[in-house]
Amino acid sequence: QGYEGLVEGGDNIKQANWLSVSNIIQLGGTVIGSARCKAFTTRAGRLRAAHNLVEHGITNLCVIGGDGSLTGADIFRSEWAGLLDELVRDGQISEEVAQQNCHLNIVGLVGSIDNDFCGTDMTIGTDSALHRIMEVIDAITTTAQSHQRTFVLEVMGRHCGYLALVSGLASGADWLFIPESPPEDGWEDLMCERLGE
């Protein structure tokens, strides 16, 4: 359950094995769970997360997420030594345990359907999102044609028009809006004229 699982601990942290990961490679989405975690944005929450990791002997963390998740990982890494010192002071772990877990290795993988991260061709989740968009377009195309209707489809992407652009190209969309290139004044009349052709 993401950072929520780290903070809560218990059954949320378990060792992966062949049985637990069988038959998930073909699944898109967050099969391992995902959750926004307000507690992790506080030092007290990160202290609990550190305690749970140390308790399980985990010193390697792989974080898949966007801005918030990766920023949280960076803060967690920078505070790690201080968090361990605090756990020792509070008597929650021994000096020896703190020494054994003194370094936290973090790998950050960009997971964002927006595909808006510089230095990577495609972020984790983009391909799955594009696949789902194309499924929806395929499903509504027949209806649009048989009823002679115009459909408007809005896709996610926040400030990045990648999904809109690629799905628009793949589906032969008549009109496309992307945040990188806002429409000029009078676009409404031009669009109606084009769609009326």
Protein backbone atom coordinates (compact mmCIF):
# COMPACT_ATOMS: atom_id res chain seq x y z
CA GLN A 1 0.00 0.00 0.00
CA GLY A 2 2.82 2.41 -0.74
CA TYR A 3 4.00 4.71 2.04
CA GLU A 4 0.81 3.92 3.96
CA GLY A 5 2.06 0.34 4.24
CA LEU A 6 5.46 1.53 5.48
CA VAL A 7 3.90 3.72 8.16
CA GLU A 8 1.30 1.16 9.28
CA GLY A 9 3.67 -1.83 9.12
CA GLY A 10 2.28 -5.19 10.23
CA ASP A 11 0.85 -7.31 7.43
CA ASN A 12 1.43 -4.49 4.94
CA ILE A 13 5.10 -5.47 4.76
CA LYS A 14 5.70 -8.98 3.50
CA GLN A 15 8.39 -10.78 1.59
CA ALA A 16 7.64 -11.39 -2.07
CA ASN A 17 7.94 -14.97 -3.26
CA TRP A 18 7.15 -16.94 -6.42
CA LEU A 19 3.59 -17.58 -5.33
CA SER A 20 2.82 -13.96 -4.45
CA VAL A 21 4.12 -12.58 -7.76
CA SER A 22 2.90 -15.30 -10.13
CA ASN A 23 0.56 -14.18 -12.88
CA ILE A 24 0.89 -10.43 -12.34
CA ILE A 25 3.36 -9.42 -15.07
CA GLN A 26 0.62 -8.95 -17.66
CA LEU A 27 -1.50 -6.77 -15.37
CA GLY A 28 -1.42 -3.00 -15.75
CA GLY A 29 -1.96 -0.79 -12.77
CA THR A 30 -0.84 -0.92 -9.21
CA VAL A 31 -1.15 -4.63 -8.44
CA ILE A 32 1.06 -4.24 -5.37
CA GLY A 33 -1.15 -1.49 -4.01
CA SER A 34 -0.94 2.25 -3.83
CA ALA A 35 -2.15 4.86 -1.38
CA ARG A 36 -1.65 8.52 -0.66
CA CYS A 37 -0.26 8.84 2.83
CA LYS A 38 -0.66 12.02 4.81
CA ALA A 39 1.26 10.52 7.75
CA PHE A 40 4.39 10.09 5.60
CA THR A 41 4.48 13.85 4.97
CA THR A 42 5.27 14.32 8.67
CA ARG A 43 8.48 13.44 10.47
CA ALA A 44 6.49 11.35 12.98
CA GLY A 45 5.09 9.28 10.12
CA ARG A 46 8.51 8.81 8.56
CA LEU A 47 9.85 7.80 12.00
CA ARG A 48 7.23 5.03 12.16
CA ALA A 49 8.12 3.98 8.62
CA ALA A 50 11.82 3.85 9.52
CA HIS A 51 11.04 1.72 12.58
CA ASN A 52 8.99 -0.71 10.48
CA LEU A 53 11.74 -1.03 7.87
CA VAL A 54 14.41 -1.62 10.51
CA GLU A 55 12.16 -4.14 12.25
CA HIS A 56 12.03 -6.13 9.00
CA GLY A 57 15.73 -5.64 8.20
CA ILE A 58 14.92 -3.74 5.01
CA THR A 59 17.59 -1.31 3.83
CA ASN A 60 16.70 -1.25 0.12
CA LEU A 61 13.60 0.56 -1.05
CA CYS A 62 12.20 0.78 -4.57
CA VAL A 63 9.77 3.69 -4.96
CA ILE A 64 7.52 3.88 -8.02
CA GLY A 65 5.63 7.14 -8.31
CA GLY A 66 5.44 10.73 -9.43
CA ASP A 67 6.60 14.00 -7.91
CA GLY A 68 5.13 13.41 -4.46
CA SER A 69 6.39 9.86 -4.06
CA LEU A 70 9.90 10.61 -5.28
CA THR A 71 10.16 13.80 -3.21
CA GLY A 72 9.02 11.79 -0.18
CA ALA A 73 11.71 9.20 -0.91
CA ASP A 74 14.39 11.88 -1.11
CA ILE A 75 13.31 13.42 2.20
CA PHE A 76 13.19 9.97 3.81
CA ARG A 77 16.71 9.20 2.58
CA SER A 78 18.10 12.53 3.80
CA GLU A 79 16.54 12.04 7.25
CA TRP A 80 17.42 8.35 7.60
CA ALA A 81 20.42 8.74 9.93
CA GLY A 82 18.52 11.21 12.14
CA LEU A 83 15.49 8.92 12.26
CA LEU A 84 17.67 6.02 13.41
CA ASP A 85 19.30 8.23 16.06
CA GLU A 86 15.84 9.19 17.31
CA LEU A 87 14.74 5.53 17.44
CA VAL A 88 17.86 4.71 19.51
CA ARG A 89 17.24 7.66 21.86
CA ASP A 90 13.63 6.55 22.35
CA GLY A 91 14.77 3.01 23.11
CA GLN A 92 12.90 1.53 20.15
CA ILE A 93 16.04 0.03 18.61
CA SER A 94 19.54 -0.67 19.86
CA GLU A 95 22.76 1.02 18.72
CA GLU A 96 23.76 -2.29 17.13
CA VAL A 97 20.54 -2.48 15.08
CA ALA A 98 20.96 1.15 14.03
CA GLN A 99 24.51 0.39 12.88
CA GLN A 100 23.34 -2.66 10.89
CA ASN A 101 20.73 -0.53 9.13
CA CYS A 102 22.75 2.69 8.88
CA HIS A 103 22.40 3.11 5.13
CA LEU A 104 19.13 3.22 3.19
CA ASN A 105 19.41 2.53 -0.54
CA ILE A 106 16.57 3.96 -2.60
CA VAL A 107 15.81 3.42 -6.27
CA GLY A 108 13.24 5.83 -7.68
CA LEU A 109 11.24 4.78 -10.74
CA VAL A 110 9.00 7.35 -12.37
CA GLY A 111 5.45 6.04 -12.39
CA SER A 112 3.22 8.59 -14.07
CA ILE A 113 0.75 8.21 -16.90
CA ASP A 114 1.56 11.81 -17.88
CA ASN A 115 4.91 10.76 -19.43
CA ASP A 116 6.31 14.11 -18.35
CA PHE A 117 9.70 13.15 -16.95
CA CYS A 118 12.82 14.28 -18.79
CA GLY A 119 15.41 11.65 -19.63
CA THR A 120 13.11 8.68 -20.16
CA ASP A 121 11.28 7.63 -23.31
CA MET A 122 8.20 6.44 -21.47
CA THR A 123 7.33 6.48 -17.79
CA ILE A 124 5.79 3.49 -16.03
CA GLY A 125 2.03 3.56 -16.55
CA THR A 126 1.95 5.55 -19.79
CA ASP A 127 1.65 2.54 -22.07
CA SER A 128 -1.14 1.02 -19.96
CA ALA A 129 -3.03 4.33 -19.94
CA LEU A 130 -2.67 4.69 -23.71
CA HIS A 131 -3.91 1.13 -24.19
CA ARG A 132 -7.03 1.84 -22.10
CA ILE A 133 -7.69 5.10 -23.97
CA MET A 134 -7.54 3.27 -27.31
CA GLU A 135 -9.94 0.60 -25.99
CA VAL A 136 -12.43 3.34 -25.09
CA ILE A 137 -12.02 5.05 -28.46
CA ASP A 138 -12.58 1.73 -30.26
CA ALA A 139 -15.71 1.15 -28.19
CA ILE A 140 -17.29 4.55 -28.88
CA THR A 141 -16.28 4.87 -32.55
CA THR A 142 -19.02 2.54 -33.79
CA THR A 143 -21.63 4.40 -31.74
CA ALA A 144 -20.41 7.76 -33.04
CA GLN A 145 -20.59 6.55 -36.64
CA SER A 146 -23.97 4.82 -36.39
CA HIS A 147 -25.63 7.76 -34.63
CA GLN A 148 -23.75 10.35 -36.68
CA ARG A 149 -22.65 12.09 -33.51
CA THR A 150 -19.53 13.92 -32.49
CA PHE A 151 -17.88 12.66 -29.34
CA VAL A 152 -15.52 14.59 -27.09
CA LEU A 153 -12.99 12.53 -25.17
CA GLU A 154 -10.90 14.02 -22.38
CA VAL A 155 -7.81 12.15 -21.22
CA MET A 156 -5.54 12.67 -18.25
CA GLY A 157 -2.15 14.26 -18.48
CA ARG A 158 -2.31 17.43 -16.43
CA HIS A 159 0.24 19.79 -18.04
CA CYS A 160 1.51 17.22 -20.54
CA GLY A 161 -0.42 16.48 -23.73
CA TYR A 162 1.40 13.25 -24.58
CA LEU A 163 -1.58 10.92 -24.05
CA ALA A 164 -3.94 13.27 -25.89
CA LEU A 165 -1.52 13.70 -28.79
CA VAL A 166 -0.63 10.04 -29.27
CA SER A 167 -4.19 8.75 -28.83
CA GLY A 168 -5.44 11.50 -31.16
CA LEU A 169 -2.92 10.47 -33.82
CA ALA A 170 -3.64 6.76 -33.38
CA SER A 171 -7.41 7.21 -33.61
CA GLY A 172 -7.51 9.83 -36.35
CA ALA A 173 -9.15 12.46 -34.16
CA ASP A 174 -10.60 15.45 -36.00
CA TRP A 175 -9.63 17.95 -33.32
CA LEU A 176 -7.11 17.92 -30.52
CA PHE A 177 -6.27 20.16 -27.59
CA ILE A 178 -2.99 19.89 -25.71
CA PRO A 179 -1.72 22.16 -22.94
CA GLU A 180 1.61 22.76 -24.68
CA SER A 181 -0.16 24.50 -27.56
CA PRO A 182 -3.34 26.26 -26.37
CA PRO A 183 -5.92 27.04 -29.08
CA GLU A 184 -6.01 30.47 -30.67
CA ASP A 185 -8.99 32.81 -30.34
CA GLY A 186 -11.90 31.78 -32.54
CA TRP A 187 -11.12 28.07 -32.37
CA GLU A 188 -14.77 27.24 -31.69
CA ASP A 189 -15.96 28.52 -35.08
CA LEU A 190 -13.09 26.84 -36.91
CA MET A 191 -13.81 23.53 -35.18
CA CYS A 192 -17.54 23.65 -36.01
CA GLU A 193 -16.70 24.48 -39.63
CA ARG A 194 -14.26 21.55 -39.88
CA LEU A 195 -16.60 19.08 -38.22
CA GLY A 196 -19.41 20.18 -40.54
CA GLU A 197 -17.39 19.23 -43.64
